[in-house]
N, C-alpha and C. Protein backbone atom coordinates (compact mmCIF):
# COMPACT_ATOMS: atom_id res chain seq x y z
N MET A 1 0.84 -1.18 0.00
CA MET A 1 0.00 0.00 0.00
C MET A 1 0.88 1.24 0.00
N LEU A 2 0.36 2.29 -0.59
CA LEU A 2 1.08 3.56 -0.70
C LEU A 2 0.10 4.69 -0.44
N ILE A 3 0.54 5.67 0.32
CA ILE A 3 -0.26 6.86 0.57
C ILE A 3 0.40 8.03 -0.14
N SER A 4 -0.40 8.77 -0.90
CA SER A 4 0.08 9.97 -1.57
C SER A 4 -0.72 11.15 -1.03
N ILE A 5 -0.01 12.20 -0.62
CA ILE A 5 -0.68 13.38 -0.06
C ILE A 5 -0.36 14.58 -0.92
N SER A 6 -1.42 15.26 -1.36
CA SER A 6 -1.27 16.50 -2.11
C SER A 6 -1.44 17.67 -1.14
N ILE A 7 -0.36 18.40 -0.93
CA ILE A 7 -0.43 19.58 -0.05
C ILE A 7 -1.29 20.65 -0.72
N ASP A 8 -1.16 20.82 -2.03
CA ASP A 8 -1.96 21.82 -2.75
C ASP A 8 -3.46 21.54 -2.65
N LYS A 9 -3.84 20.28 -2.80
CA LYS A 9 -5.26 19.91 -2.79
C LYS A 9 -5.78 19.53 -1.41
N GLN A 10 -4.86 19.40 -0.42
CA GLN A 10 -5.24 18.96 0.92
C GLN A 10 -6.02 17.65 0.83
N GLN A 11 -5.42 16.71 0.10
CA GLN A 11 -6.09 15.43 -0.17
C GLN A 11 -5.11 14.27 -0.07
N LEU A 12 -5.61 13.15 0.42
CA LEU A 12 -4.85 11.92 0.51
C LEU A 12 -5.46 10.90 -0.43
N LYS A 13 -4.60 10.15 -1.10
CA LYS A 13 -5.04 8.99 -1.90
C LYS A 13 -4.28 7.78 -1.39
N LEU A 14 -5.02 6.71 -1.17
CA LEU A 14 -4.45 5.46 -0.71
C LEU A 14 -4.51 4.47 -1.87
N TYR A 15 -3.36 3.92 -2.24
CA TYR A 15 -3.26 3.00 -3.37
C TYR A 15 -2.97 1.59 -2.89
N ASP A 16 -3.58 0.61 -3.56
CA ASP A 16 -3.20 -0.78 -3.36
C ASP A 16 -2.78 -1.33 -4.72
N ASN A 17 -2.65 -2.62 -4.87
CA ASN A 17 -2.19 -3.20 -6.14
C ASN A 17 -3.11 -2.91 -7.32
N ASN A 18 -4.36 -2.55 -7.05
CA ASN A 18 -5.33 -2.30 -8.12
C ASN A 18 -5.52 -0.82 -8.43
N GLY A 19 -4.78 0.06 -7.78
CA GLY A 19 -4.93 1.50 -8.01
C GLY A 19 -5.46 2.21 -6.78
N VAL A 20 -6.22 3.30 -7.00
CA VAL A 20 -6.74 4.09 -5.89
C VAL A 20 -7.75 3.26 -5.10
N PHE A 21 -7.47 3.10 -3.82
CA PHE A 21 -8.30 2.30 -2.93
C PHE A 21 -9.22 3.21 -2.11
N ALA A 22 -8.72 4.40 -1.72
CA ALA A 22 -9.51 5.34 -0.93
C ALA A 22 -8.97 6.74 -1.12
N GLU A 23 -9.84 7.73 -0.94
CA GLU A 23 -9.46 9.14 -0.99
C GLU A 23 -10.06 9.84 0.22
N SER A 24 -9.38 10.90 0.68
CA SER A 24 -9.86 11.59 1.87
C SER A 24 -9.28 13.00 1.93
N PRO A 25 -10.03 13.93 2.51
CA PRO A 25 -9.43 15.24 2.80
C PRO A 25 -8.44 15.10 3.95
N VAL A 26 -7.45 15.96 3.98
CA VAL A 26 -6.48 16.03 5.07
C VAL A 26 -6.22 17.49 5.38
N SER A 27 -5.46 17.73 6.42
CA SER A 27 -4.96 19.07 6.71
C SER A 27 -3.47 18.93 6.97
N THR A 28 -2.68 19.75 6.30
CA THR A 28 -1.22 19.71 6.45
C THR A 28 -0.75 20.98 7.16
N GLY A 29 0.56 21.17 7.21
CA GLY A 29 1.14 22.29 7.94
C GLY A 29 0.77 23.65 7.39
N MET A 30 0.51 24.57 8.31
CA MET A 30 0.14 25.94 7.94
C MET A 30 1.41 26.76 7.66
N PRO A 31 1.26 27.95 7.08
CA PRO A 31 2.44 28.78 6.79
C PRO A 31 3.31 28.95 8.04
N GLY A 32 4.61 28.78 7.85
CA GLY A 32 5.56 28.86 8.95
C GLY A 32 5.78 27.52 9.65
N HIS A 33 4.94 26.54 9.35
CA HIS A 33 5.04 25.20 9.93
C HIS A 33 4.77 24.17 8.84
N SER A 34 5.47 24.28 7.73
CA SER A 34 5.20 23.45 6.55
C SER A 34 5.43 21.97 6.79
N THR A 35 4.56 21.17 6.22
CA THR A 35 4.74 19.72 6.21
C THR A 35 5.86 19.42 5.21
N PRO A 36 6.85 18.63 5.59
CA PRO A 36 7.93 18.34 4.65
C PRO A 36 7.45 17.49 3.48
N MET A 37 8.10 17.69 2.35
CA MET A 37 7.78 16.89 1.16
C MET A 37 8.85 15.83 1.00
N GLY A 38 8.47 14.71 0.40
CA GLY A 38 9.41 13.63 0.17
C GLY A 38 8.73 12.29 0.25
N VAL A 39 9.54 11.26 0.32
CA VAL A 39 9.05 9.89 0.44
C VAL A 39 9.40 9.42 1.85
N PHE A 40 8.39 8.97 2.58
CA PHE A 40 8.58 8.58 3.98
C PHE A 40 7.98 7.20 4.23
N SER A 41 8.48 6.54 5.23
CA SER A 41 7.93 5.27 5.71
C SER A 41 7.41 5.49 7.13
N VAL A 42 6.43 4.72 7.51
CA VAL A 42 5.94 4.77 8.89
C VAL A 42 7.00 4.12 9.77
N ILE A 43 7.49 4.87 10.76
CA ILE A 43 8.55 4.36 11.63
C ILE A 43 8.05 4.08 13.05
N GLY A 44 6.79 4.38 13.30
CA GLY A 44 6.22 4.11 14.62
C GLY A 44 4.73 4.36 14.61
N LYS A 45 3.99 3.58 15.42
CA LYS A 45 2.54 3.73 15.50
C LYS A 45 2.11 3.67 16.96
N GLU A 46 1.12 4.47 17.31
CA GLU A 46 0.51 4.41 18.63
C GLU A 46 -0.98 4.66 18.48
N VAL A 47 -1.79 3.85 19.14
CA VAL A 47 -3.23 4.05 19.08
C VAL A 47 -3.59 5.40 19.68
N PHE A 48 -2.98 5.76 20.80
CA PHE A 48 -3.21 7.09 21.38
C PHE A 48 -1.89 7.66 21.84
N HIS A 49 -1.50 8.77 21.25
CA HIS A 49 -0.23 9.43 21.55
C HIS A 49 -0.52 10.87 21.98
N ARG A 50 0.30 11.38 22.85
CA ARG A 50 0.24 12.80 23.21
C ARG A 50 1.53 13.44 22.72
N SER A 51 1.39 14.60 22.10
CA SER A 51 2.54 15.30 21.53
C SER A 51 3.59 15.61 22.59
N ASN A 52 4.84 15.32 22.23
CA ASN A 52 5.97 15.68 23.08
C ASN A 52 6.38 17.13 22.87
N ILE A 53 5.90 17.74 21.80
CA ILE A 53 6.31 19.09 21.42
C ILE A 53 5.23 20.12 21.73
N TYR A 54 3.95 19.78 21.51
CA TYR A 54 2.86 20.76 21.60
C TYR A 54 1.95 20.50 22.81
N SER A 55 2.49 20.72 24.00
CA SER A 55 1.73 20.70 25.26
C SER A 55 0.87 19.45 25.45
N GLY A 56 1.37 18.31 25.03
CA GLY A 56 0.62 17.07 25.23
C GLY A 56 -0.64 16.96 24.40
N ALA A 57 -0.69 17.67 23.28
CA ALA A 57 -1.88 17.62 22.42
C ALA A 57 -2.17 16.17 22.02
N PRO A 58 -3.46 15.77 22.06
CA PRO A 58 -3.80 14.40 21.68
C PRO A 58 -3.59 14.14 20.20
N MET A 59 -3.05 12.97 19.89
CA MET A 59 -2.80 12.57 18.50
C MET A 59 -3.25 11.12 18.34
N PRO A 60 -4.59 10.89 18.31
CA PRO A 60 -5.07 9.51 18.18
C PRO A 60 -4.64 8.87 16.86
N HIS A 61 -4.44 7.58 16.89
CA HIS A 61 -4.04 6.79 15.71
C HIS A 61 -2.85 7.42 14.99
N MET A 62 -1.81 7.71 15.79
CA MET A 62 -0.62 8.38 15.28
C MET A 62 0.29 7.39 14.55
N GLN A 63 0.77 7.84 13.38
CA GLN A 63 1.77 7.08 12.62
C GLN A 63 2.93 8.02 12.31
N ARG A 64 4.01 7.84 13.03
CA ARG A 64 5.19 8.71 12.89
C ARG A 64 5.90 8.44 11.57
N ILE A 65 6.28 9.54 10.88
CA ILE A 65 7.03 9.39 9.62
C ILE A 65 8.41 10.05 9.67
N THR A 66 8.69 10.85 10.71
CA THR A 66 10.05 11.38 10.91
C THR A 66 10.37 11.36 12.40
N TRP A 67 11.64 11.31 12.73
CA TRP A 67 12.06 11.36 14.13
C TRP A 67 11.95 12.77 14.69
N SER A 68 11.77 13.77 13.83
CA SER A 68 11.66 15.15 14.30
C SER A 68 10.23 15.54 14.65
N GLY A 69 9.29 14.60 14.60
CA GLY A 69 7.95 14.89 15.09
C GLY A 69 6.84 14.95 14.06
N VAL A 70 7.09 14.61 12.82
CA VAL A 70 6.04 14.64 11.81
C VAL A 70 5.31 13.30 11.80
N ALA A 71 3.98 13.38 11.80
CA ALA A 71 3.17 12.17 11.85
C ALA A 71 1.85 12.38 11.13
N LEU A 72 1.24 11.27 10.76
CA LEU A 72 -0.16 11.27 10.33
C LEU A 72 -0.95 10.95 11.59
N HIS A 73 -2.04 11.66 11.85
CA HIS A 73 -2.86 11.34 13.01
C HIS A 73 -4.28 11.84 12.81
N GLU A 74 -5.15 11.28 13.62
CA GLU A 74 -6.57 11.59 13.56
C GLU A 74 -6.83 13.02 14.04
N GLY A 75 -7.82 13.65 13.44
CA GLY A 75 -8.22 15.00 13.82
C GLY A 75 -9.34 15.45 12.92
N VAL A 76 -9.60 16.75 12.90
CA VAL A 76 -10.64 17.30 12.04
C VAL A 76 -9.97 18.17 10.98
N PRO A 77 -9.89 17.70 9.73
CA PRO A 77 -9.30 18.53 8.68
C PRO A 77 -10.29 19.62 8.26
N PRO A 78 -9.93 20.90 8.43
CA PRO A 78 -10.84 21.99 8.09
C PRO A 78 -10.85 22.36 6.60
N GLY A 79 -10.13 21.60 5.76
CA GLY A 79 -10.11 21.92 4.33
C GLY A 79 -9.03 22.90 3.93
N ARG A 80 -8.11 23.15 4.83
CA ARG A 80 -7.00 24.07 4.57
C ARG A 80 -5.82 23.65 5.44
N PRO A 81 -4.61 24.11 5.14
CA PRO A 81 -3.48 23.83 6.02
C PRO A 81 -3.74 24.41 7.41
N ALA A 82 -3.60 23.59 8.44
CA ALA A 82 -3.94 24.07 9.79
C ALA A 82 -3.16 23.36 10.90
N THR A 83 -2.09 22.64 10.56
CA THR A 83 -1.35 21.91 11.58
C THR A 83 0.04 22.50 11.76
N HIS A 84 0.76 21.99 12.74
CA HIS A 84 2.16 22.35 12.95
C HIS A 84 3.02 21.23 12.38
N VAL A 85 3.01 21.02 11.09
CA VAL A 85 3.77 20.08 10.26
C VAL A 85 3.12 18.71 10.08
N CYS A 86 2.29 18.27 10.99
CA CYS A 86 1.68 16.93 10.86
C CYS A 86 0.65 16.89 9.75
N ILE A 87 0.15 15.70 9.50
CA ILE A 87 -0.91 15.48 8.51
C ILE A 87 -2.12 14.96 9.28
N ARG A 88 -3.15 15.79 9.34
CA ARG A 88 -4.35 15.46 10.10
C ARG A 88 -5.33 14.71 9.21
N LEU A 89 -5.78 13.56 9.71
CA LEU A 89 -6.70 12.69 8.98
C LEU A 89 -8.06 12.69 9.66
N PRO A 90 -9.15 12.54 8.88
CA PRO A 90 -10.45 12.38 9.53
C PRO A 90 -10.47 11.09 10.36
N GLY A 91 -11.26 11.08 11.42
CA GLY A 91 -11.28 9.97 12.37
C GLY A 91 -11.41 8.59 11.78
N ALA A 92 -12.35 8.41 10.87
CA ALA A 92 -12.58 7.07 10.31
C ALA A 92 -11.32 6.58 9.58
N LEU A 93 -10.64 7.45 8.87
CA LEU A 93 -9.45 7.04 8.12
C LEU A 93 -8.29 6.76 9.06
N GLY A 94 -8.11 7.61 10.07
CA GLY A 94 -7.02 7.40 11.02
C GLY A 94 -7.11 6.04 11.68
N ALA A 95 -8.30 5.67 12.09
CA ALA A 95 -8.49 4.36 12.73
C ALA A 95 -8.29 3.23 11.73
N ARG A 96 -8.73 3.43 10.51
CA ARG A 96 -8.63 2.41 9.47
C ARG A 96 -7.17 2.11 9.10
N LEU A 97 -6.35 3.15 9.02
CA LEU A 97 -4.95 2.96 8.67
C LEU A 97 -4.20 2.25 9.79
């Protein structure tokens, strides 16, 4: 499986061997807190994580992609960049991944 995230479109596409398996809105980093671009692997997962950087903010269904604190996690994507570098996923998708 492969996840592709469009920062411009604030959209995630999940691919399997047959092509696009699922699509979803996301929220990425806001100006001054940009989500990094590149190819990443999930290096850690926690069902419920609290941020070590942002005052213990809840990060349900967290999947870490960098050691510097970037992760995919459950939240409410408002349809625009609104995070501090992370990729916010709607609840149903966060749990599913």
